[in-house]
Amino acid sequence: MTSPAPHTPAAPPPPREPDAPRDLVGIGIGPFNLSLAALAHPLTALDAVFYDQRPAFTWHPGLLLDGTTVHGSFLADLVTLADPASPWTFLSYLKDRERLYPFCFAGRLHIQRAEYDAYCRWVAERLPGLRFGHRVDAVRWNPERGLFEVDHTRLGPDGEAEAPGRTCTRNVVLGIGSEPHVPEPLRPLADAPGVPVLHAADYLRHRDALLAADHVTVVGTGQSGAEIFLDLLRHRPAGRERVHWLGRTEALAPTECSKLGLEHFTPDYTRYFHALAEPVRDRLAASPWQMHGGIGADTLAAIHDELYRRSLHGGWPDAVLTPGVRVRTAGRIAATRIELHLEHVQQDTRSRLTTGAVVLATGYRERPLDRVLAGLDPYLRRDGGERPRVDAQHRLVLDPSVTGTVYVQNAGNRPHGVGAPDLGLAAWRSATILNSLTGKESYPLPRRTAFTTFGLDPRPQVPPARRAPELIPLLDDRRQEGRPRPGAPRTAARRNTAP
């Protein structure tokens, strides 16, 4: 599929009536909805707009440590695995920045996180139809109009509400992402002002203060915890490191990165996983921590190298690494002292640790869909755990009376498996959503993506694209005539723009 260059002049779109409904409203502009917006951009008859309450695109700014990389090929960017000819590929970004030759000679497969963040910001700053500084307050279904109503508020520079608005749309896509997770025993300290207990999401903002603390404890033995421990270790004096790293996992173990193991992050496994019985999905979603909660082998090697280097002249670094430990309770014993009550799971022993600061590398949890979808609650169909059901094409299962569709970009790994939060599936999922929305193969997708056969039936489980009867004939007519059919439902034939 060939896409126009990002700066190629296009014919001006026809005027859009202010009250005309959109074809699609996106809520949240993280990498997943940014991928969707980029792939929707060439579909000029699709009228879409995306809202995010942040003033501009950012991607985990507190964790953009020097040298940290995205654990995936640079080809697994926002669009390439669905449309290598797209103007929004990572290689297009490098060409625009005149960095193709340096990147070629660097021979990199995994790009640095800061570079991925810069690439996404490059896309976000150029794509039309993205509305930052707009908070979505509610989503409702209007049965009389057969449309969703999305209430939103434009925010000022300081985050204050400036102007309310309402957008009607035939379809909605949720890309609200995840939020930092603070374990219950540490929540009162993390919420208290002035207490040196913070989530890893804020690490870089407080890094100088943490480096100056007399003792730092990192809680969490996943990738973020490992990177923060390594950064602290490298920048604290030899022999006086005074860094403690602990977490619940039973070992400081690497993330699965074998070539066949990585096939769990393919569309084939995603389809296989969604077809499993709900109790089996729930059990698997809670168990494979090493698929998504381990540590990169290169990071583990760098930690060992740094510890070894500090032992070359005799003695051991003043650093403690203890897996298999959970924090039972925590309290403040002085203005700058925190006491952690610890339990070793395998030994069934307990101890106390006094520290000057705590960094919680305890991961993220998906934002509950109910916060955004409270207005749709009467129409939601739920599973055995009273969670909104999501079908194989990433659609919420709604009451049949609702003729519109709500797509979900990231509902965690419960409905779609361990690869659901992985950036490498962004382009495939976005293309799947657009194919479902347009009712045809706007983006032809591969029928097979893994050598592994997940299950006894070797046939790929590829759901057919749904034809949207109100939208697609109109889009087809526009391509032929440049204008709607008389009496047809109106949709705006323009490229993801808003007044």
Protein backbone atom coordinates (compact mmCIF):
# COMPACT_ATOMS: atom_id res chain seq x y z
CA MET A 1 0.00 0.00 0.00
CA THR A 2 1.48 3.35 -1.01
CA SER A 3 1.09 6.39 1.21
CA PRO A 4 1.67 10.04 0.38
CA ALA A 5 4.74 11.79 1.73
CA PRO A 6 3.96 13.66 4.96
CA HIS A 7 4.52 17.08 3.42
CA THR A 8 3.02 16.41 -0.01
CA PRO A 9 0.41 19.10 -0.75
CA ALA A 10 -3.08 17.65 -0.93
CA ALA A 11 -6.27 18.98 -2.40
CA PRO A 12 -8.14 21.00 0.22
CA PRO A 13 -10.88 18.94 1.88
CA PRO A 14 -14.49 19.98 1.42
CA PRO A 15 -15.91 22.23 4.13
CA ARG A 16 -17.00 20.36 7.22
CA GLU A 17 -20.30 21.23 8.88
CA PRO A 18 -19.62 22.11 12.56
CA ASP A 19 -22.22 19.67 13.91
CA ALA A 20 -21.44 16.80 11.54
CA PRO A 21 -20.57 13.60 13.44
CA ARG A 22 -17.10 12.17 13.25
CA ASP A 23 -16.37 8.69 12.01
CA LEU A 24 -13.97 8.08 14.88
CA VAL A 25 -12.97 9.75 18.15
CA GLY A 26 -9.81 8.56 19.86
CA ILE A 27 -9.39 9.00 23.61
CA GLY A 28 -5.76 9.17 24.68
CA ILE A 29 -2.69 9.72 22.48
CA GLY A 30 -0.05 7.29 23.58
CA PRO A 31 1.98 5.16 21.16
CA PHE A 32 -1.00 2.91 20.36
CA ASN A 33 -3.48 5.61 19.37
CA LEU A 34 -0.64 7.53 17.72
CA SER A 35 -0.07 4.43 15.60
CA LEU A 36 -3.77 4.35 14.74
CA ALA A 37 -3.79 8.03 13.81
CA ALA A 38 -0.74 7.56 11.58
CA LEU A 39 -2.26 4.61 9.73
CA ALA A 40 -5.60 6.41 9.45
CA HIS A 41 -3.93 9.46 7.90
CA PRO A 42 -3.89 8.16 4.27
CA LEU A 43 -7.56 7.08 4.55
CA THR A 44 -8.69 10.54 3.55
CA ALA A 45 -12.41 9.77 3.67
CA LEU A 46 -12.16 8.76 7.34
CA ASP A 47 -12.93 11.73 9.59
CA ALA A 48 -11.14 11.16 12.91
CA VAL A 49 -9.98 13.25 15.83
CA PHE A 50 -7.95 12.22 18.89
CA TYR A 51 -7.98 13.86 22.35
CA ASP A 52 -5.42 13.81 25.16
CA GLN A 53 -5.34 15.93 28.29
CA ARG A 54 -1.55 16.32 28.27
CA PRO A 55 -0.19 19.47 26.61
CA ALA A 56 2.02 17.44 24.23
CA PHE A 57 3.11 13.89 23.52
CA THR A 58 5.42 12.29 26.09
CA TRP A 59 6.42 8.67 26.60
CA HIS A 60 7.61 7.70 30.11
CA PRO A 61 9.77 10.83 30.48
CA GLY A 62 10.95 9.79 33.95
CA LEU A 63 12.54 6.62 32.57
CA LEU A 64 14.43 7.96 29.55
CA LEU A 65 17.80 7.14 31.07
CA ASP A 66 20.89 7.45 28.91
CA GLY A 67 21.63 4.23 27.06
CA THR A 68 18.34 2.44 27.82
CA THR A 69 16.77 0.82 24.79
CA VAL A 70 13.38 -0.30 23.54
CA HIS A 71 13.23 -4.09 23.65
CA GLY A 72 12.13 -4.57 20.09
CA SER A 73 13.39 -4.06 16.58
CA PHE A 74 13.30 -0.57 15.11
CA LEU A 75 11.02 -2.09 12.45
CA ALA A 76 8.37 -2.53 15.15
CA ASP A 77 7.63 1.19 15.10
CA LEU A 78 4.22 2.86 14.85
CA VAL A 79 3.42 1.73 11.30
CA THR A 80 6.08 -0.34 9.49
CA LEU A 81 4.74 -3.84 10.23
CA ALA A 82 1.43 -2.81 8.65
CA ASP A 83 2.66 -0.39 5.98
CA PRO A 84 6.41 -0.18 5.30
CA ALA A 85 5.75 2.56 2.71
CA SER A 86 4.09 4.84 5.25
CA PRO A 87 5.56 8.34 5.64
CA TRP A 88 5.45 7.83 9.42
CA THR A 89 8.04 5.07 9.75
CA PHE A 90 11.08 5.35 12.00
CA LEU A 91 13.26 5.36 8.88
CA SER A 92 11.26 8.32 7.52
CA TYR A 93 11.96 10.11 10.78
CA LEU A 94 15.70 9.42 10.42
CA LYS A 95 15.65 10.66 6.82
CA ASP A 96 13.85 13.85 7.84
CA ARG A 97 16.51 14.41 10.52
CA GLU A 98 19.34 13.55 8.10
CA ARG A 99 20.44 10.68 10.33
CA LEU A 100 19.99 7.68 8.03
CA TYR A 101 23.71 7.21 7.37
CA PRO A 102 24.76 7.40 11.05
CA PHE A 103 22.01 4.95 11.96
CA CYS A 104 23.04 2.59 9.17
CA PHE A 105 26.67 2.59 10.32
CA ALA A 106 25.68 2.20 13.98
CA GLY A 107 24.22 -1.21 13.10
CA ARG A 108 21.49 -0.97 15.72
CA LEU A 109 18.48 -3.27 15.96
CA HIS A 110 17.22 -1.85 19.26
CA ILE A 111 16.94 1.93 19.43
CA GLN A 112 17.33 4.01 22.56
CA ARG A 113 14.22 4.97 24.46
CA ALA A 114 14.97 8.66 24.13
CA GLU A 115 15.17 8.16 20.36
CA TYR A 116 11.83 6.31 20.28
CA ASP A 117 10.29 9.14 22.29
CA ALA A 118 11.73 11.72 19.86
CA TYR A 119 10.38 9.71 16.90
CA CYS A 120 6.87 9.59 18.39
CA ARG A 121 6.97 13.32 19.10
CA TRP A 122 8.05 13.93 15.50
CA VAL A 123 4.95 12.05 14.31
CA ALA A 124 2.63 13.71 16.84
CA GLU A 125 3.79 17.21 15.89
CA ARG A 126 3.02 16.60 12.20
CA LEU A 127 -0.17 14.55 12.20
CA PRO A 128 -3.40 16.52 11.87
CA GLY A 129 -6.37 15.53 13.96
CA LEU A 130 -4.50 15.30 17.29
CA ARG A 131 -5.91 17.54 20.01
CA PHE A 132 -3.64 17.80 23.03
CA GLY A 133 -4.78 19.77 26.05
CA HIS A 134 -8.29 18.29 25.84
CA ARG A 135 -9.61 16.19 28.71
CA VAL A 136 -12.38 13.70 27.93
CA ASP A 137 -14.97 13.78 30.69
CA ALA A 138 -17.66 11.34 29.53
CA VAL A 139 -18.78 9.04 26.75
CA ARG A 140 -22.48 8.31 26.22
CA TRP A 141 -24.63 6.57 23.65
CA ASN A 142 -27.48 8.64 22.22
CA PRO A 143 -30.03 6.09 20.95
CA GLU A 144 -32.15 8.76 19.26
CA ARG A 145 -29.28 9.93 17.04
CA GLY A 146 -27.50 6.58 16.88
CA LEU A 147 -24.23 8.25 17.86
CA PHE A 148 -21.77 8.41 20.73
CA GLU A 149 -21.47 11.74 22.52
CA VAL A 150 -17.99 12.54 23.81
CA ASP A 151 -17.82 15.40 26.31
CA HIS A 152 -14.41 17.04 26.58
CA THR A 153 -12.85 20.15 28.08
CA ARG A 154 -10.08 22.28 26.64
CA LEU A 155 -7.39 22.90 29.24
CA GLY A 156 -5.26 25.98 29.70
CA PRO A 157 -1.46 26.12 30.09
CA ASP A 158 -1.72 25.40 33.81
CA GLY A 159 -4.25 22.61 33.38
CA GLU A 160 -7.25 24.73 34.29
CA ALA A 161 -10.55 24.13 32.48
CA GLU A 162 -11.18 26.72 29.78
CA ALA A 163 -13.95 25.60 27.45
CA PRO A 164 -16.28 22.60 27.40
CA GLY A 165 -17.14 20.85 24.16
CA ARG A 166 -19.01 17.88 22.78
CA THR A 167 -18.18 15.73 19.76
CA CYS A 168 -20.59 13.23 18.25
CA THR A 169 -19.12 10.19 16.59
CA ARG A 170 -20.07 6.85 15.11
CA ASN A 171 -17.13 5.05 16.71
CA VAL A 172 -14.73 5.47 19.62
CA VAL A 173 -11.27 4.04 20.25
CA LEU A 174 -9.81 3.98 23.76
CA GLY A 175 -6.07 4.35 24.13
CA ILE A 176 -5.97 5.50 27.75
CA GLY A 177 -2.92 3.39 28.59
CA SER A 178 -1.73 2.55 32.08
CA GLU A 179 -0.84 4.38 35.27
CA PRO A 180 1.95 3.94 37.84
CA HIS A 181 1.21 1.23 40.40
CA VAL A 182 2.06 1.94 44.05
CA PRO A 183 1.69 -1.09 46.39
CA GLU A 184 -0.82 -0.58 49.17
CA PRO A 185 1.72 -0.68 52.06
CA LEU A 186 3.65 2.20 50.53
CA ARG A 187 0.78 4.31 49.25
CA PRO A 188 0.43 6.56 52.36
CA LEU A 189 4.15 7.44 52.19
CA ALA A 190 4.11 7.99 48.42
CA ASP A 191 1.09 10.30 48.75
CA ALA A 192 2.52 12.32 51.66
CA PRO A 193 4.24 15.57 50.64
CA GLY A 194 7.96 15.77 51.27
CA VAL A 195 8.45 12.05 51.95
CA PRO A 196 11.26 10.58 49.80
CA VAL A 197 9.13 7.73 48.40
CA LEU A 198 8.43 8.01 44.67
CA HIS A 199 7.46 5.89 41.71
CA ALA A 200 10.01 5.10 39.01
CA ALA A 201 7.90 7.16 36.59
CA ASP A 202 9.30 10.25 38.37
CA TYR A 203 12.87 9.02 38.68
CA LEU A 204 14.67 11.48 36.41
CA ARG A 205 12.87 14.45 37.95
CA HIS A 206 14.22 13.49 41.41
CA ARG A 207 17.49 11.90 40.33
CA ASP A 208 19.78 14.55 41.81
CA ALA A 209 18.13 14.28 45.22
CA LEU A 210 18.35 10.48 45.10
CA LEU A 211 22.05 10.59 44.25
CA ALA A 212 22.58 12.87 47.26
CA ALA A 213 20.65 10.60 49.68
CA ASP A 214 22.77 8.63 52.16
CA HIS A 215 20.98 5.36 51.30
CA VAL A 216 18.55 4.45 48.52
CA THR A 217 16.28 1.41 48.21
CA VAL A 218 14.87 0.32 44.86
CA VAL A 219 11.76 -1.86 45.14
CA GLY A 220 10.97 -3.94 42.06
CA THR A 221 13.11 -6.48 40.24
CA GLY A 222 11.89 -5.88 36.70
CA GLN A 223 13.52 -3.91 33.89
CA SER A 224 12.87 -0.46 35.35
CA GLY A 225 14.18 -1.48 38.75
CA ALA A 226 17.32 -2.92 37.16
CA GLU A 227 17.97 0.23 35.11
CA ILE A 228 17.49 2.54 38.08
CA PHE A 229 19.70 0.37 40.32
CA LEU A 230 22.40 0.41 37.63
CA ASP A 231 22.15 4.19 37.19
CA LEU A 232 22.45 4.78 40.94
CA LEU A 233 25.31 2.32 41.19
CA ARG A 234 27.28 4.02 38.41
CA HIS A 235 26.92 7.48 39.91
CA ARG A 236 27.57 6.84 43.60
CA PRO A 237 31.09 6.67 45.09
CA ALA A 238 32.91 3.33 45.05
CA GLY A 239 32.79 1.66 48.44
CA ARG A 240 30.02 4.00 49.57
CA GLU A 241 27.28 3.03 47.10
CA ARG A 242 24.71 2.28 49.83
CA VAL A 243 22.06 1.02 47.41
CA HIS A 244 19.62 -1.79 48.22
CA TRP A 245 17.64 -3.52 45.47
CA LEU A 246 14.83 -5.90 46.32
CA GLY A 247 11.65 -7.31 44.79
CA ARG A 248 9.08 -10.06 44.91
CA THR A 249 10.27 -12.16 41.97
CA GLU A 250 12.20 -15.27 42.95
CA ALA A 251 15.27 -14.45 40.86
CA LEU A 252 17.00 -11.65 38.99
CA ALA A 253 16.18 -13.40 35.75
CA PRO A 254 16.24 -12.30 32.12
CA THR A 255 13.17 -11.62 30.06
CA GLU A 256 12.42 -14.30 27.47
CA CYS A 257 14.20 -13.16 24.32
CA SER A 258 14.82 -16.35 22.35
CA LYS A 259 13.63 -16.20 18.78
CA LEU A 260 10.89 -18.79 19.25
CA GLY A 261 9.99 -17.43 22.67
CA LEU A 262 9.39 -14.02 21.13
CA GLU A 263 6.68 -15.57 18.96
CA HIS A 264 4.39 -15.06 21.97
CA PHE A 265 4.42 -11.42 20.84
CA THR A 266 2.96 -12.13 17.40
CA PRO A 267 -0.57 -11.79 16.03
CA ASP A 268 -0.72 -15.61 15.80
CA TYR A 269 -0.36 -15.99 19.56
CA THR A 270 -2.71 -13.07 20.22
CA ARG A 271 -5.48 -14.76 18.20
CA TYR A 272 -4.77 -18.13 19.80
CA PHE A 273 -4.87 -16.64 23.30
CA HIS A 274 -8.14 -14.79 22.75
CA ALA A 275 -9.81 -18.03 21.59
CA LEU A 276 -8.98 -19.82 24.87
CA ALA A 277 -11.56 -20.31 27.58
CA GLU A 278 -11.83 -17.36 29.95
CA PRO A 279 -10.51 -19.22 33.07
CA VAL A 280 -7.48 -20.38 31.08
CA ARG A 281 -6.79 -16.82 29.88
CA ASP A 282 -7.02 -15.49 33.42
CA ARG A 283 -4.59 -18.13 34.70
CA LEU A 284 -2.08 -17.53 31.91
CA ALA A 285 -2.32 -13.74 32.20
CA ALA A 286 -1.29 -13.95 35.85
CA SER A 287 1.60 -16.38 35.41
CA PRO A 288 4.21 -15.67 32.70
CA TRP A 289 6.11 -12.95 34.55
CA GLN A 290 9.36 -13.74 32.75
CA MET A 291 7.70 -12.92 29.43
CA HIS A 292 6.96 -9.35 30.48
CA GLY A 293 8.41 -8.82 33.96
CA GLY A 294 11.99 -10.01 33.62
CA ILE A 295 15.15 -8.04 32.91
CA GLY A 296 17.06 -7.63 29.66
CA ALA A 297 20.13 -9.86 29.55
CA ASP A 298 22.30 -6.89 28.55
CA THR A 299 21.13 -4.93 31.61
CA LEU A 300 21.90 -7.86 33.92
CA ALA A 301 25.33 -8.17 32.33
CA ALA A 302 25.99 -4.43 32.77
CA ILE A 303 25.04 -4.63 36.46
CA HIS A 304 27.39 -7.55 37.03
CA ASP A 305 30.17 -5.78 35.12
CA GLU A 306 29.78 -2.65 37.26
CA LEU A 307 29.76 -4.63 40.50
CA TYR A 308 32.79 -6.62 39.36
CA ARG A 309 34.68 -3.48 38.37
CA ARG A 310 34.12 -2.06 41.84
CA SER A 311 35.61 -5.19 43.42
CA LEU A 312 38.87 -5.22 41.41
CA HIS A 313 40.97 -3.75 44.23
CA GLY A 314 39.54 -5.92 46.97
CA GLY A 315 36.37 -5.63 49.00
CA TRP A 316 32.78 -5.70 47.88
CA PRO A 317 30.56 -2.84 46.78
CA ASP A 318 28.19 -1.54 49.43
CA ALA A 319 25.21 -2.74 47.40
CA VAL A 320 22.64 -5.39 48.31
CA LEU A 321 20.60 -7.32 45.71
CA THR A 322 17.84 -9.47 47.22
CA PRO A 323 15.06 -11.09 45.16
CA GLY A 324 12.14 -12.97 46.69
CA VAL A 325 11.32 -10.18 49.16
CA ARG A 326 8.06 -8.31 49.66
CA VAL A 327 7.33 -5.13 51.64
CA ARG A 328 4.77 -5.92 54.33
CA THR A 329 4.44 -2.44 55.83
CA ALA A 330 6.36 0.82 55.80
CA GLY A 331 6.59 3.88 57.99
CA ARG A 332 8.38 7.18 58.49
CA ILE A 333 10.67 7.22 61.51
CA ALA A 334 12.29 10.64 60.98
CA ALA A 335 12.12 13.57 58.61
CA THR A 336 14.33 11.81 56.08
CA ARG A 337 14.22 8.16 57.19
CA ILE A 338 11.93 5.41 55.96
CA GLU A 339 11.58 2.01 57.64
CA LEU A 340 10.53 -0.94 55.48
CA HIS A 341 9.22 -4.12 57.08
CA LEU A 342 10.30 -6.95 54.81
CA GLU A 343 9.37 -10.61 54.40
CA HIS A 344 11.44 -13.19 52.55
CA VAL A 345 8.90 -15.42 50.83
CA GLN A 346 10.93 -18.63 50.55
CA GLN A 347 12.61 -18.41 53.96
CA ASP A 348 9.46 -17.20 55.70
CA THR A 349 11.61 -14.70 57.63
CA ARG A 350 11.12 -11.04 58.42
CA SER A 351 13.42 -8.07 58.91
CA ARG A 352 13.53 -4.27 58.87
CA LEU A 353 15.41 -1.95 56.57
CA THR A 354 16.04 1.73 57.26
CA THR A 355 16.71 3.86 54.20
CA GLY A 356 16.90 7.49 53.14
CA ALA A 357 14.79 7.20 49.99
CA VAL A 358 12.67 4.62 48.17
CA VAL A 359 12.14 4.27 44.42
CA LEU A 360 9.14 2.12 43.53
CA ALA A 361 9.87 0.29 40.28
CA THR A 362 6.60 -1.54 40.76
CA GLY A 363 5.29 -1.23 37.26
CA TYR A 364 2.05 0.04 35.80
CA ARG A 365 -1.55 -1.09 35.86
CA GLU A 366 -4.12 -0.57 33.13
CA ARG A 367 -6.52 2.24 33.79
CA PRO A 368 -9.98 0.80 34.47
CA LEU A 369 -12.22 1.26 31.44
CA ASP A 370 -15.17 1.99 33.72
CA ARG A 371 -13.74 5.42 34.55
CA VAL A 372 -14.24 6.57 30.98
CA LEU A 373 -17.20 4.38 30.10
CA ALA A 374 -19.49 5.05 33.08
CA GLY A 375 -22.04 6.53 30.67
CA LEU A 376 -22.07 3.30 28.67
CA ASP A 377 -22.47 0.98 31.64
CA PRO A 378 -26.05 -0.11 30.77
CA TYR A 379 -24.81 -1.27 27.35
CA LEU A 380 -21.63 -3.09 28.39
CA ARG A 381 -21.49 -6.88 28.27
CA ARG A 382 -19.26 -8.32 30.98
CA ASP A 383 -17.35 -11.56 31.49
CA GLY A 384 -17.36 -13.90 34.49
CA GLY A 385 -15.15 -11.48 36.42
CA GLU A 386 -17.53 -8.56 35.75
CA ARG A 387 -14.99 -6.98 33.41
CA PRO A 388 -16.01 -5.45 30.06
CA ARG A 389 -15.72 -8.07 27.35
CA VAL A 390 -13.38 -7.40 24.42
CA ASP A 391 -13.71 -9.44 21.22
CA ALA A 392 -10.98 -10.67 18.86
CA GLN A 393 -11.08 -7.44 16.83
CA HIS A 394 -10.49 -5.32 19.94
CA ARG A 395 -14.10 -4.19 20.19
CA LEU A 396 -16.07 -3.86 23.39
CA VAL A 397 -19.04 -6.21 23.34
CA LEU A 398 -22.06 -3.94 23.66
CA ASP A 399 -25.81 -4.37 23.66
CA PRO A 400 -27.10 -5.04 20.11
CA SER A 401 -29.09 -1.80 20.25
CA VAL A 402 -25.80 0.13 20.05
CA THR A 403 -24.96 0.45 16.36
CA GLY A 404 -21.62 2.18 16.93
CA THR A 405 -18.39 0.50 18.02
CA VAL A 406 -15.96 1.11 20.86
CA TYR A 407 -12.46 -0.21 20.19
CA VAL A 408 -9.91 -0.81 22.93
CA GLN A 409 -6.24 -0.34 22.13
CA ASN A 410 -4.76 -1.71 25.34
CA ALA A 411 -6.87 -3.66 27.81
CA GLY A 412 -3.87 -5.38 29.40
CA ASN A 413 -2.89 -8.97 28.76
CA ARG A 414 -6.09 -10.56 30.06
CA PRO A 415 -8.09 -10.75 26.78
CA HIS A 416 -5.25 -10.86 24.24
CA GLY A 417 -2.20 -12.35 25.93
CA VAL A 418 1.25 -11.31 27.04
CA GLY A 419 1.97 -9.31 23.88
CA ALA A 420 -0.99 -6.93 24.25
CA PRO A 421 1.00 -4.09 25.93
CA ASP A 422 4.00 -4.66 23.64
CA LEU A 423 4.88 -1.83 21.25
CA GLY A 424 5.67 -4.35 18.53
CA LEU A 425 1.98 -5.17 18.08
CA ALA A 426 0.89 -1.53 17.77
CA ALA A 427 0.84 -1.39 13.96
CA TRP A 428 -0.91 -4.76 13.58
CA ARG A 429 -3.60 -3.90 16.11
CA SER A 430 -4.16 -0.45 14.60
CA ALA A 431 -4.49 -1.99 11.14
CA THR A 432 -6.90 -4.59 12.51
CA ILE A 433 -9.06 -1.82 13.98
CA LEU A 434 -9.03 0.19 10.75
CA ASN A 435 -9.93 -2.89 8.71
CA SER A 436 -12.84 -3.57 11.04
CA LEU A 437 -13.91 0.07 10.98
CA THR A 438 -13.84 0.38 7.19
CA GLY A 439 -15.19 -3.11 6.60
CA LYS A 440 -12.44 -4.12 4.17
CA GLU A 441 -8.70 -4.72 3.99
CA SER A 442 -7.50 -1.15 4.07
CA TYR A 443 -4.29 -2.74 5.32
CA PRO A 444 -3.77 -6.34 4.16
CA LEU A 445 -2.37 -8.30 7.09
CA PRO A 446 -0.37 -11.55 7.04
CA ARG A 447 -2.29 -14.72 7.71
CA ARG A 448 0.66 -16.27 9.53
CA THR A 449 3.33 -14.58 11.64
CA ALA A 450 4.96 -17.37 13.71
CA PHE A 451 6.63 -20.72 13.09
CA THR A 452 5.07 -22.00 16.32
CA THR A 453 1.61 -23.55 16.05
CA PHE A 454 -0.25 -22.51 19.20
CA GLY A 455 -2.78 -25.29 19.64
CA LEU A 456 -3.70 -28.44 17.76
CA ASP A 457 -5.52 -26.65 14.94
CA PRO A 458 -2.81 -25.30 12.61
CA ARG A 459 -5.20 -23.08 10.69
CA PRO A 460 -4.67 -19.37 11.43
CA GLN A 461 -7.58 -17.82 13.30
CA VAL A 462 -8.03 -14.68 11.22
CA PRO A 463 -11.37 -12.95 11.84
CA PRO A 464 -13.03 -11.49 8.73
CA ALA A 465 -13.27 -7.72 8.52
CA ARG A 466 -16.70 -6.40 9.39
CA ARG A 467 -18.40 -4.32 6.73
CA ALA A 468 -19.75 -1.09 8.15
CA PRO A 469 -22.89 -0.55 6.05
CA GLU A 470 -23.39 3.13 6.87
CA LEU A 471 -19.80 4.14 6.33
CA ILE A 472 -18.28 2.10 3.53
CA PRO A 473 -20.74 2.65 0.66
CA LEU A 474 -20.42 6.34 1.34
CA LEU A 475 -16.64 6.19 1.26
CA ASP A 476 -16.76 4.16 -1.96
CA ASP A 477 -19.07 6.69 -3.57
CA ARG A 478 -16.81 9.54 -2.53
CA ARG A 479 -13.86 7.98 -4.24
CA GLN A 480 -15.90 7.65 -7.42
CA GLU A 481 -17.81 10.92 -7.38
CA GLY A 482 -16.06 13.12 -4.82
CA ARG A 483 -19.36 13.74 -3.02
CA PRO A 484 -21.94 11.83 -0.93
CA ARG A 485 -24.88 9.96 -2.36
CA PRO A 486 -28.17 11.86 -2.09
CA GLY A 487 -29.90 10.90 1.14
CA ALA A 488 -26.88 8.98 2.47
CA PRO A 489 -25.77 9.42 6.09
CA ARG A 490 -23.24 12.22 6.24
CA THR A 491 -19.60 11.65 7.11
CA ALA A 492 -16.89 14.20 6.62
CA ALA A 493 -14.55 13.36 3.76
CA ARG A 494 -11.36 14.85 5.06
CA ARG A 495 -8.08 13.77 6.57
CA ASN A 496 -8.37 13.59 10.34
CA THR A 497 -8.87 17.29 10.87
CA ALA A 498 -10.93 19.29 13.30
CA PRO A 499 -12.01 22.91 13.39
